[in-house]
């Protein structure tokens, strides 16, 4: 449940090293010194969870960062959130970014893999260099501080998602591929 008076940062991901959750927690430690009007929901599970929970406690973030484990209601959690973050070390085209954009959330992502192709910096979200916790903290602070900018990025992200990730569009593209293959025979 969304806490009163707090904005929600959400990160749905498998809790493994390559997802870069440790970078996010480092960024949140920096952010905590800038402001206190947020919580972060980490949704997912994995082998790295114990280390991440320890990092959270060692960073004095146990009242700001909440581990929700694996959930079946991630789309509902996205609708209760304000900012989506994906600080991965390596990734191609994560479905979580598509879901966040469809929910109208601005996305803060790393420059890993195919993420810069999914998020347009300054239009649908913000991109930080891989492993750069300080930049992520600054970007979070900016979106928490400027509601108008955060909402505009979220609206742009939703429009982008409707034009790129909608089920109707994907089905249409798949049918066009099949049709193209049949006409080549």
N, C-alpha and C. Protein backbone atom coordinates (compact mmCIF):
# COMPACT_ATOMS: atom_id res chain seq x y z
N UNK A 1 0.84 -1.18 0.00
CA UNK A 1 0.00 0.00 0.00
C UNK A 1 0.89 1.25 0.00
N UNK A 2 0.48 2.20 -0.78
CA UNK A 2 1.22 3.45 -0.91
C UNK A 2 1.20 4.22 0.42
N UNK A 3 2.39 4.56 0.95
CA UNK A 3 2.41 5.31 2.22
C UNK A 3 2.01 6.77 2.02
N UNK A 4 1.25 7.34 2.96
CA UNK A 4 0.82 8.73 2.82
C UNK A 4 2.01 9.68 2.87
N UNK A 5 1.96 10.69 1.99
CA UNK A 5 2.99 11.72 1.98
C UNK A 5 4.32 11.32 1.37
N UNK A 6 4.38 10.13 0.77
CA UNK A 6 5.63 9.64 0.17
C UNK A 6 5.39 9.32 -1.29
N UNK A 7 6.39 9.59 -2.10
CA UNK A 7 6.37 9.15 -3.49
C UNK A 7 7.01 7.77 -3.54
N UNK A 8 6.57 6.95 -4.49
CA UNK A 8 7.03 5.57 -4.58
C UNK A 8 7.92 5.39 -5.80
N UNK A 9 9.11 4.90 -5.51
CA UNK A 9 10.07 4.48 -6.53
C UNK A 9 9.94 2.97 -6.59
N UNK A 10 9.81 2.41 -7.78
CA UNK A 10 9.64 0.95 -7.89
C UNK A 10 10.70 0.35 -8.80
N UNK A 11 11.15 -0.83 -8.40
CA UNK A 11 12.12 -1.58 -9.20
C UNK A 11 11.71 -3.04 -9.19
N UNK A 12 10.98 -3.49 -10.21
CA UNK A 12 10.66 -4.91 -10.32
C UNK A 12 11.76 -5.61 -11.13
N UNK A 13 12.41 -6.59 -10.50
CA UNK A 13 13.50 -7.29 -11.19
C UNK A 13 13.87 -8.56 -10.43
N UNK A 14 14.51 -9.47 -11.14
CA UNK A 14 15.11 -10.61 -10.44
C UNK A 14 16.26 -10.07 -9.60
N UNK A 15 16.42 -10.59 -8.42
CA UNK A 15 17.46 -10.10 -7.52
C UNK A 15 18.75 -10.90 -7.76
N UNK A 16 19.39 -10.54 -8.87
CA UNK A 16 20.68 -11.12 -9.27
C UNK A 16 21.63 -9.97 -9.59
N UNK A 17 22.92 -10.24 -9.56
CA UNK A 17 23.92 -9.18 -9.71
C UNK A 17 23.71 -8.32 -10.95
N UNK A 18 23.47 -8.95 -12.12
CA UNK A 18 23.40 -8.18 -13.37
C UNK A 18 22.25 -7.18 -13.42
N UNK A 19 21.27 -7.32 -12.55
CA UNK A 19 20.16 -6.37 -12.53
C UNK A 19 20.53 -5.06 -11.84
N UNK A 20 21.70 -5.02 -11.17
CA UNK A 20 22.22 -3.76 -10.64
C UNK A 20 21.44 -3.15 -9.49
N UNK A 21 20.72 -3.96 -8.73
CA UNK A 21 19.95 -3.43 -7.60
C UNK A 21 20.90 -2.83 -6.57
N UNK A 22 22.10 -3.36 -6.46
CA UNK A 22 23.08 -2.80 -5.53
C UNK A 22 23.43 -1.36 -5.90
N UNK A 23 23.42 -1.04 -7.19
CA UNK A 23 23.66 0.33 -7.64
C UNK A 23 22.49 1.22 -7.20
N UNK A 24 21.27 0.71 -7.35
CA UNK A 24 20.09 1.46 -6.92
C UNK A 24 20.16 1.74 -5.42
N UNK A 25 20.49 0.75 -4.62
CA UNK A 25 20.55 0.96 -3.17
C UNK A 25 21.62 2.00 -2.83
N UNK A 26 22.75 1.97 -3.52
CA UNK A 26 23.78 3.00 -3.31
C UNK A 26 23.24 4.38 -3.67
N UNK A 27 22.48 4.45 -4.76
CA UNK A 27 21.88 5.73 -5.17
C UNK A 27 20.87 6.21 -4.13
N UNK A 28 20.11 5.29 -3.58
CA UNK A 28 19.10 5.65 -2.57
C UNK A 28 19.76 6.14 -1.27
N UNK A 29 20.93 5.59 -0.96
CA UNK A 29 21.66 6.08 0.22
C UNK A 29 22.06 7.54 0.02
N UNK A 30 22.49 7.88 -1.19
CA UNK A 30 22.83 9.27 -1.52
C UNK A 30 21.57 10.14 -1.48
N UNK A 31 20.48 9.63 -2.07
CA UNK A 31 19.22 10.37 -2.13
C UNK A 31 18.68 10.67 -0.73
N UNK A 32 18.86 9.74 0.21
CA UNK A 32 18.35 9.92 1.57
C UNK A 32 18.95 11.17 2.23
N UNK A 33 20.16 11.53 1.82
CA UNK A 33 20.78 12.75 2.36
C UNK A 33 20.25 14.01 1.69
N UNK A 34 19.55 13.85 0.58
CA UNK A 34 18.97 15.00 -0.14
C UNK A 34 17.53 15.27 0.28
N UNK A 35 16.78 14.18 0.54
CA UNK A 35 15.34 14.31 0.83
C UNK A 35 14.83 13.04 1.49
N UNK A 36 13.64 13.16 2.07
CA UNK A 36 13.08 12.05 2.85
C UNK A 36 11.63 11.74 2.46
N UNK A 37 11.18 12.19 1.31
CA UNK A 37 9.76 12.07 0.94
C UNK A 37 9.49 10.93 -0.02
N UNK A 38 10.19 9.82 0.14
CA UNK A 38 10.07 8.70 -0.80
C UNK A 38 10.24 7.36 -0.08
N UNK A 39 9.76 6.33 -0.74
CA UNK A 39 10.06 4.94 -0.39
C UNK A 39 10.40 4.23 -1.70
N UNK A 40 11.10 3.13 -1.58
CA UNK A 40 11.41 2.32 -2.76
C UNK A 40 10.91 0.91 -2.55
N UNK A 41 10.14 0.43 -3.52
CA UNK A 41 9.65 -0.94 -3.51
C UNK A 41 10.50 -1.76 -4.46
N UNK A 42 11.16 -2.77 -3.93
CA UNK A 42 11.91 -3.71 -4.76
C UNK A 42 11.06 -4.97 -4.85
N UNK A 43 10.65 -5.29 -6.06
CA UNK A 43 9.72 -6.39 -6.29
C UNK A 43 10.43 -7.48 -7.08
N UNK A 44 10.54 -8.65 -6.48
CA UNK A 44 11.21 -9.76 -7.13
C UNK A 44 12.01 -10.55 -6.11
N UNK A 45 12.58 -11.63 -6.57
CA UNK A 45 13.36 -12.47 -5.68
C UNK A 45 14.55 -13.02 -6.45
N UNK A 46 15.50 -13.58 -5.73
CA UNK A 46 16.66 -14.16 -6.37
C UNK A 46 17.79 -14.40 -5.38
N UNK A 47 18.86 -14.98 -5.87
CA UNK A 47 19.99 -15.38 -5.05
C UNK A 47 20.69 -14.21 -4.35
N UNK A 48 20.52 -13.02 -4.85
CA UNK A 48 21.22 -11.84 -4.34
C UNK A 48 20.42 -11.11 -3.25
N UNK A 49 19.23 -11.61 -2.94
CA UNK A 49 18.36 -10.89 -2.01
C UNK A 49 18.99 -10.66 -0.64
N UNK A 50 19.61 -11.67 -0.07
CA UNK A 50 20.22 -11.52 1.26
C UNK A 50 21.28 -10.43 1.27
N UNK A 51 22.11 -10.39 0.25
CA UNK A 51 23.15 -9.35 0.16
C UNK A 51 22.53 -7.97 0.02
N UNK A 52 21.46 -7.87 -0.76
CA UNK A 52 20.80 -6.58 -0.97
C UNK A 52 20.11 -6.10 0.31
N UNK A 53 19.50 -7.02 1.03
CA UNK A 53 18.88 -6.65 2.30
C UNK A 53 19.94 -6.19 3.30
N UNK A 54 21.09 -6.85 3.32
CA UNK A 54 22.19 -6.45 4.21
C UNK A 54 22.72 -5.06 3.81
N UNK A 55 22.87 -4.83 2.51
CA UNK A 55 23.31 -3.52 2.02
C UNK A 55 22.32 -2.44 2.45
N UNK A 56 21.03 -2.76 2.40
CA UNK A 56 19.98 -1.81 2.81
C UNK A 56 20.12 -1.44 4.29
N UNK A 57 20.31 -2.44 5.12
CA UNK A 57 20.47 -2.19 6.57
C UNK A 57 21.76 -1.42 6.82
N UNK A 58 22.86 -1.82 6.18
CA UNK A 58 24.14 -1.14 6.37
C UNK A 58 24.10 0.31 5.90
N UNK A 59 23.19 0.62 4.99
CA UNK A 59 23.02 1.98 4.47
C UNK A 59 21.95 2.75 5.24
N UNK A 60 21.42 2.15 6.30
CA UNK A 60 20.35 2.75 7.12
C UNK A 60 19.12 3.12 6.28
N UNK A 61 18.76 2.23 5.38
CA UNK A 61 17.62 2.46 4.49
C UNK A 61 16.43 1.56 4.79
N UNK A 62 16.46 0.84 5.92
CA UNK A 62 15.41 -0.14 6.19
C UNK A 62 14.03 0.48 6.35
N UNK A 63 13.93 1.80 6.55
CA UNK A 63 12.63 2.47 6.64
C UNK A 63 12.25 3.13 5.31
N UNK A 64 13.11 2.98 4.31
CA UNK A 64 12.87 3.56 2.99
C UNK A 64 12.74 2.51 1.90
N UNK A 65 13.43 1.40 2.05
CA UNK A 65 13.48 0.36 1.01
C UNK A 65 12.77 -0.88 1.52
N UNK A 66 11.81 -1.36 0.71
CA UNK A 66 11.00 -2.51 1.11
C UNK A 66 11.09 -3.60 0.04
N UNK A 67 11.45 -4.80 0.46
CA UNK A 67 11.55 -5.95 -0.43
C UNK A 67 10.21 -6.69 -0.40
N UNK A 68 9.55 -6.75 -1.55
CA UNK A 68 8.22 -7.35 -1.63
C UNK A 68 8.24 -8.79 -2.13
N UNK A 69 9.40 -9.30 -2.54
CA UNK A 69 9.47 -10.66 -3.06
C UNK A 69 8.76 -10.77 -4.41
N UNK A 70 8.57 -12.00 -4.84
CA UNK A 70 7.87 -12.24 -6.12
C UNK A 70 6.39 -11.94 -5.93
N UNK A 71 5.84 -11.24 -6.88
CA UNK A 71 4.43 -10.84 -6.81
C UNK A 71 3.76 -11.09 -8.16
N UNK A 72 2.46 -11.35 -8.11
CA UNK A 72 1.67 -11.51 -9.32
C UNK A 72 0.93 -10.24 -9.70
N UNK A 73 1.04 -9.20 -8.87
CA UNK A 73 0.28 -7.97 -9.10
C UNK A 73 1.19 -6.77 -9.42
N UNK A 74 2.28 -7.02 -10.15
CA UNK A 74 3.21 -5.94 -10.48
C UNK A 74 2.51 -4.82 -11.26
N UNK A 75 1.64 -5.10 -12.25
CA UNK A 75 0.97 -3.99 -12.92
C UNK A 75 0.17 -3.10 -11.95
N UNK A 76 -0.47 -3.69 -10.96
CA UNK A 76 -1.20 -2.90 -9.96
C UNK A 76 -0.23 -2.08 -9.11
N UNK A 77 0.91 -2.65 -8.78
CA UNK A 77 1.91 -1.92 -8.00
C UNK A 77 2.48 -0.75 -8.80
N UNK A 78 2.61 -0.94 -10.12
CA UNK A 78 3.10 0.14 -10.98
C UNK A 78 2.14 1.33 -10.95
N UNK A 79 0.84 1.05 -10.90
CA UNK A 79 -0.14 2.15 -10.90
C UNK A 79 -0.11 2.94 -9.60
N UNK A 80 0.47 2.36 -8.54
CA UNK A 80 0.59 3.06 -7.26
C UNK A 80 1.94 3.76 -7.12
N UNK A 81 2.77 3.65 -8.15
CA UNK A 81 4.14 4.17 -8.09
C UNK A 81 4.27 5.48 -8.86
N UNK A 82 5.37 6.17 -8.61
CA UNK A 82 5.64 7.45 -9.27
C UNK A 82 6.82 7.39 -10.24
N UNK A 83 7.81 6.55 -9.94
CA UNK A 83 9.03 6.48 -10.75
C UNK A 83 9.45 5.02 -10.84
N UNK A 84 9.81 4.58 -12.04
CA UNK A 84 10.35 3.24 -12.28
C UNK A 84 11.86 3.37 -12.45
N UNK A 85 12.60 2.45 -11.82
CA UNK A 85 14.06 2.46 -11.94
C UNK A 85 14.57 1.08 -12.32
N UNK A 86 15.51 1.06 -13.26
CA UNK A 86 16.14 -0.19 -13.70
C UNK A 86 17.63 0.09 -13.91
N UNK A 87 18.43 -0.12 -12.86
CA UNK A 87 19.86 0.22 -12.88
C UNK A 87 20.73 -0.98 -13.25
N UNK A 88 20.30 -1.73 -14.23
CA UNK A 88 20.98 -2.98 -14.56
C UNK A 88 22.40 -2.76 -15.09
N UNK A 89 23.19 -3.80 -14.92
CA UNK A 89 24.56 -3.83 -15.43
C UNK A 89 24.54 -4.33 -16.87
N UNK A 90 23.62 -5.25 -17.14
CA UNK A 90 23.51 -5.86 -18.46
C UNK A 90 22.05 -6.28 -18.67
N UNK A 91 21.46 -5.86 -19.79
CA UNK A 91 20.10 -6.25 -20.12
C UNK A 91 19.84 -5.89 -21.58
N UNK A 92 18.87 -6.51 -22.18
CA UNK A 92 18.59 -6.23 -23.59
C UNK A 92 17.33 -5.42 -23.77
N UNK A 93 16.19 -6.05 -23.58
CA UNK A 93 14.91 -5.36 -23.74
C UNK A 93 13.95 -5.89 -22.68
N UNK A 94 14.14 -5.44 -21.43
CA UNK A 94 13.34 -6.01 -20.34
C UNK A 94 11.86 -5.65 -20.44
N UNK A 95 11.04 -6.65 -20.20
CA UNK A 95 9.60 -6.48 -20.22
C UNK A 95 9.15 -5.49 -19.15
N UNK A 96 9.91 -5.41 -18.05
CA UNK A 96 9.53 -4.51 -16.96
C UNK A 96 9.50 -3.05 -17.40
N UNK A 97 10.41 -2.68 -18.31
CA UNK A 97 10.42 -1.30 -18.83
C UNK A 97 9.15 -1.06 -19.66
N UNK A 98 8.79 -2.04 -20.47
CA UNK A 98 7.57 -1.91 -21.27
C UNK A 98 6.35 -1.74 -20.38
N UNK A 99 6.27 -2.56 -19.32
CA UNK A 99 5.14 -2.48 -18.39
C UNK A 99 5.08 -1.12 -17.71
N UNK A 100 6.24 -0.62 -17.29
CA UNK A 100 6.29 0.68 -16.62
C UNK A 100 5.84 1.79 -17.57
N UNK A 101 6.29 1.74 -18.81
CA UNK A 101 5.88 2.74 -19.79
C UNK A 101 4.38 2.65 -20.05
N UNK A 102 3.86 1.45 -20.18
CA UNK A 102 2.41 1.28 -20.39
C UNK A 102 1.62 1.85 -19.20
N UNK A 103 2.21 1.80 -18.01
CA UNK A 103 1.56 2.34 -16.81
C UNK A 103 1.74 3.86 -16.70
N UNK A 104 2.49 4.44 -17.63
CA UNK A 104 2.67 5.89 -17.62
C UNK A 104 3.71 6.39 -16.63
N UNK A 105 4.70 5.55 -16.34
CA UNK A 105 5.75 5.96 -15.41
C UNK A 105 6.99 6.44 -16.15
N UNK A 106 7.62 7.50 -15.65
CA UNK A 106 8.92 7.87 -16.19
C UNK A 106 9.91 6.81 -15.75
N UNK A 107 10.84 6.47 -16.64
CA UNK A 107 11.79 5.40 -16.36
C UNK A 107 13.20 5.96 -16.23
N UNK A 108 13.86 5.62 -15.14
CA UNK A 108 15.28 5.88 -15.00
C UNK A 108 15.97 4.55 -15.24
N UNK A 109 16.78 4.49 -16.29
CA UNK A 109 17.45 3.25 -16.66
C UNK A 109 18.93 3.51 -16.86
N UNK A 110 19.70 2.42 -16.84
CA UNK A 110 21.13 2.54 -17.13
C UNK A 110 21.33 2.50 -18.65
N UNK A 111 22.55 2.76 -19.05
CA UNK A 111 22.88 2.76 -20.48
C UNK A 111 23.24 1.36 -20.99
N UNK A 112 22.93 0.34 -20.22
CA UNK A 112 23.26 -1.04 -20.59
C UNK A 112 22.44 -1.54 -21.77
N UNK A 113 23.08 -2.35 -22.59
CA UNK A 113 22.40 -3.09 -23.65
C UNK A 113 21.44 -2.28 -24.49
N UNK A 114 20.18 -2.76 -24.59
CA UNK A 114 19.18 -2.12 -25.42
C UNK A 114 18.33 -1.08 -24.71
N UNK A 115 18.64 -0.76 -23.46
CA UNK A 115 17.82 0.20 -22.72
C UNK A 115 17.77 1.58 -23.35
N UNK A 116 18.89 2.12 -23.86
CA UNK A 116 18.80 3.45 -24.50
C UNK A 116 17.89 3.47 -25.74
N UNK A 117 17.59 2.31 -26.30
CA UNK A 117 16.66 2.24 -27.43
C UNK A 117 15.21 2.25 -26.94
N UNK A 118 15.00 1.91 -25.66
CA UNK A 118 13.66 1.84 -25.10
C UNK A 118 13.25 3.14 -24.42
N UNK A 119 14.21 3.89 -23.92
CA UNK A 119 13.94 5.12 -23.18
C UNK A 119 14.65 6.28 -23.87
N UNK A 120 13.91 7.32 -24.17
CA UNK A 120 14.49 8.51 -24.80
C UNK A 120 14.82 9.51 -23.69
N UNK A 121 16.12 9.76 -23.51
CA UNK A 121 16.59 10.61 -22.42
C UNK A 121 15.95 12.00 -22.51
N UNK A 122 15.32 12.40 -21.41
CA UNK A 122 14.69 13.70 -21.34
C UNK A 122 13.32 13.77 -22.00
N UNK A 123 12.87 12.65 -22.59
CA UNK A 123 11.56 12.62 -23.24
C UNK A 123 10.61 11.62 -22.55
N UNK A 124 11.09 10.38 -22.39
CA UNK A 124 10.26 9.35 -21.74
C UNK A 124 10.88 8.88 -20.43
N UNK A 125 12.05 9.39 -20.13
CA UNK A 125 12.75 8.99 -18.91
C UNK A 125 14.15 9.56 -18.92
N UNK A 126 14.99 8.99 -18.09
CA UNK A 126 16.37 9.46 -17.97
C UNK A 126 17.30 8.25 -18.01
N UNK A 127 18.47 8.44 -18.61
CA UNK A 127 19.45 7.37 -18.76
C UNK A 127 20.71 7.77 -17.99
N UNK A 128 21.23 6.83 -17.21
CA UNK A 128 22.47 7.06 -16.47
C UNK A 128 23.53 6.06 -16.92
N UNK A 129 24.80 6.42 -16.78
CA UNK A 129 25.85 5.45 -17.11
C UNK A 129 25.75 4.22 -16.20
N UNK A 130 26.09 3.07 -16.73
CA UNK A 130 26.06 1.83 -15.96
C UNK A 130 26.90 1.99 -14.69
N UNK A 131 26.32 1.64 -13.56
CA UNK A 131 27.03 1.64 -12.29
C UNK A 131 27.19 3.00 -11.62
N UNK A 132 26.60 4.04 -12.17
CA UNK A 132 26.78 5.41 -11.66
C UNK A 132 25.67 5.77 -10.67
N UNK A 133 25.87 5.41 -9.41
CA UNK A 133 24.86 5.64 -8.37
C UNK A 133 24.62 7.13 -8.14
N UNK A 134 25.64 7.94 -8.25
CA UNK A 134 25.49 9.38 -8.01
C UNK A 134 24.54 10.00 -9.04
N UNK A 135 24.71 9.66 -10.31
CA UNK A 135 23.82 10.19 -11.36
C UNK A 135 22.39 9.71 -11.13
N UNK A 136 22.22 8.45 -10.77
CA UNK A 136 20.88 7.93 -10.49
C UNK A 136 20.24 8.71 -9.35
N UNK A 137 20.99 8.99 -8.30
CA UNK A 137 20.47 9.76 -7.16
C UNK A 137 20.05 11.16 -7.61
N UNK A 138 20.87 11.80 -8.43
CA UNK A 138 20.51 13.14 -8.94
C UNK A 138 19.24 13.08 -9.78
N UNK A 139 19.12 12.05 -10.63
CA UNK A 139 17.94 11.92 -11.48
C UNK A 139 16.69 11.66 -10.64
N UNK A 140 16.80 10.83 -9.63
CA UNK A 140 15.67 10.58 -8.73
C UNK A 140 15.27 11.87 -8.03
N UNK A 141 16.24 12.60 -7.54
CA UNK A 141 15.97 13.86 -6.86
C UNK A 141 15.24 14.83 -7.79
N UNK A 142 15.69 14.92 -9.03
CA UNK A 142 15.04 15.80 -10.01
C UNK A 142 13.57 15.42 -10.20
N UNK A 143 13.29 14.12 -10.39
CA UNK A 143 11.92 13.69 -10.64
C UNK A 143 11.05 13.79 -9.39
N UNK A 144 11.65 13.65 -8.22
CA UNK A 144 10.88 13.82 -6.98
C UNK A 144 10.59 15.30 -6.72
N UNK A 145 11.49 16.15 -7.15
CA UNK A 145 11.35 17.59 -6.92
C UNK A 145 10.40 18.25 -7.90
N UNK A 146 10.42 17.80 -9.14
CA UNK A 146 9.64 18.46 -10.20
C UNK A 146 8.50 17.57 -10.67
N UNK A 147 7.35 17.71 -10.01
CA UNK A 147 6.18 16.90 -10.35
C UNK A 147 5.78 17.08 -11.81
N UNK A 148 5.83 18.32 -12.31
CA UNK A 148 5.42 18.59 -13.69
C UNK A 148 6.30 17.83 -14.68
N UNK A 149 7.60 17.85 -14.46
CA UNK A 149 8.53 17.16 -15.35
C UNK A 149 8.33 15.65 -15.27
N UNK A 150 8.19 15.12 -14.04
CA UNK A 150 7.97 13.69 -13.85
C UNK A 150 6.71 13.24 -14.57
N UNK A 151 5.64 14.01 -14.42
CA UNK A 151 4.37 13.64 -15.06
C UNK A 151 4.46 13.74 -16.58
N UNK A 152 5.16 14.74 -17.09
CA UNK A 152 5.31 14.89 -18.54
C UNK A 152 6.10 13.70 -19.11
N UNK A 153 7.19 13.31 -18.43
CA UNK A 153 7.95 12.14 -18.89
C UNK A 153 7.08 10.89 -18.87
N UNK A 154 6.25 10.75 -17.82
CA UNK A 154 5.36 9.60 -17.73
C UNK A 154 4.32 9.56 -18.84
N UNK A 155 3.75 10.73 -19.15
CA UNK A 155 2.78 10.79 -20.25
C UNK A 155 3.45 10.45 -21.58
N UNK A 156 4.65 10.97 -21.78
CA UNK A 156 5.40 10.66 -23.00
C UNK A 156 5.75 9.18 -23.07
N UNK A 157 6.10 8.59 -21.92
CA UNK A 157 6.43 7.17 -21.88
C UNK A 157 5.22 6.33 -22.27
N UNK A 158 4.06 6.72 -21.78
CA UNK A 158 2.84 5.97 -22.10
C UNK A 158 2.52 6.07 -23.60
N UNK A 159 2.65 7.27 -24.16
CA UNK A 159 2.41 7.44 -25.60
C UNK A 159 3.41 6.61 -26.41
N UNK A 160 4.67 6.63 -26.00
CA UNK A 160 5.69 5.83 -26.67
C UNK A 160 5.33 4.35 -26.61
N UNK A 161 4.92 3.89 -25.41
CA UNK A 161 4.57 2.48 -25.23
C UNK A 161 3.40 2.08 -26.11
N UNK A 162 2.40 2.93 -26.22
CA UNK A 162 1.24 2.61 -27.04
C UNK A 162 1.63 2.47 -28.51
N UNK A 163 2.64 3.24 -28.92
CA UNK A 163 3.09 3.18 -30.31
C UNK A 163 4.11 2.08 -30.57
N UNK A 164 4.68 1.51 -29.52
CA UNK A 164 5.74 0.52 -29.72
C UNK A 164 5.47 -0.84 -29.08
N UNK A 165 4.74 -0.88 -27.96
CA UNK A 165 4.61 -2.13 -27.22
C UNK A 165 3.18 -2.66 -27.11
N UNK A 166 2.20 -1.98 -27.66
CA UNK A 166 0.82 -2.44 -27.46
C UNK A 166 0.62 -3.82 -28.10
N UNK A 167 -0.26 -4.60 -27.50
CA UNK A 167 -0.52 -5.96 -27.97
C UNK A 167 -1.05 -5.93 -29.40
N UNK A 168 -1.94 -5.00 -29.72
CA UNK A 168 -2.48 -4.90 -31.08
C UNK A 168 -1.36 -4.67 -32.09
N UNK A 169 -0.45 -3.78 -31.75
CA UNK A 169 0.66 -3.47 -32.64
C UNK A 169 1.58 -4.68 -32.81
N UNK A 170 1.86 -5.39 -31.72
CA UNK A 170 2.72 -6.57 -31.81
C UNK A 170 2.08 -7.66 -32.66
N UNK A 171 0.77 -7.86 -32.49
CA UNK A 171 0.06 -8.86 -33.30
C UNK A 171 0.10 -8.45 -34.77
N UNK A 172 -0.15 -7.16 -35.03
CA UNK A 172 -0.12 -6.66 -36.40
C UNK A 172 1.26 -6.88 -37.03
N UNK A 173 2.33 -6.59 -36.31
CA UNK A 173 3.68 -6.80 -36.82
C UNK A 173 3.96 -8.27 -37.10
N UNK A 174 3.50 -9.14 -36.19
CA UNK A 174 3.70 -10.57 -36.37
C UNK A 174 2.96 -11.07 -37.61
N UNK A 175 1.73 -10.60 -37.81
CA UNK A 175 0.97 -11.00 -38.99
C UNK A 175 1.64 -10.51 -40.27
N UNK A 176 2.21 -9.30 -40.21
CA UNK A 176 2.92 -8.77 -41.38
C UNK A 176 4.15 -9.62 -41.69
N UNK A 177 4.84 -10.11 -40.66
CA UNK A 177 6.01 -10.98 -40.88
C UNK A 177 5.58 -12.29 -41.54
N UNK A 178 4.51 -12.88 -41.02
CA UNK A 178 4.01 -14.13 -41.61
C UNK A 178 3.57 -13.91 -43.05
N UNK A 179 2.85 -12.82 -43.28
CA UNK A 179 2.39 -12.52 -44.63
C UNK A 179 3.58 -12.33 -45.56
N UNK A 180 4.59 -11.63 -45.11
CA UNK A 180 5.81 -11.42 -45.90
C UNK A 180 6.50 -12.73 -46.21
N UNK A 181 6.55 -13.62 -45.25
CA UNK A 181 7.21 -14.92 -45.46
C UNK A 181 6.42 -15.76 -46.46
N UNK A 182 5.09 -15.69 -46.38
CA UNK A 182 4.26 -16.46 -47.32
C UNK A 182 4.36 -15.94 -48.74
N UNK A 183 4.45 -14.63 -48.91
CA UNK A 183 4.53 -14.08 -50.26
C UNK A 183 5.89 -14.33 -50.90
N UNK A 184 6.91 -14.59 -50.10
CA UNK A 184 8.24 -14.90 -50.64
C UNK A 184 8.35 -16.32 -51.15
N UNK A 185 7.42 -17.18 -50.76
CA UNK A 185 7.45 -18.58 -51.17
C UNK A 185 7.02 -18.67 -52.57
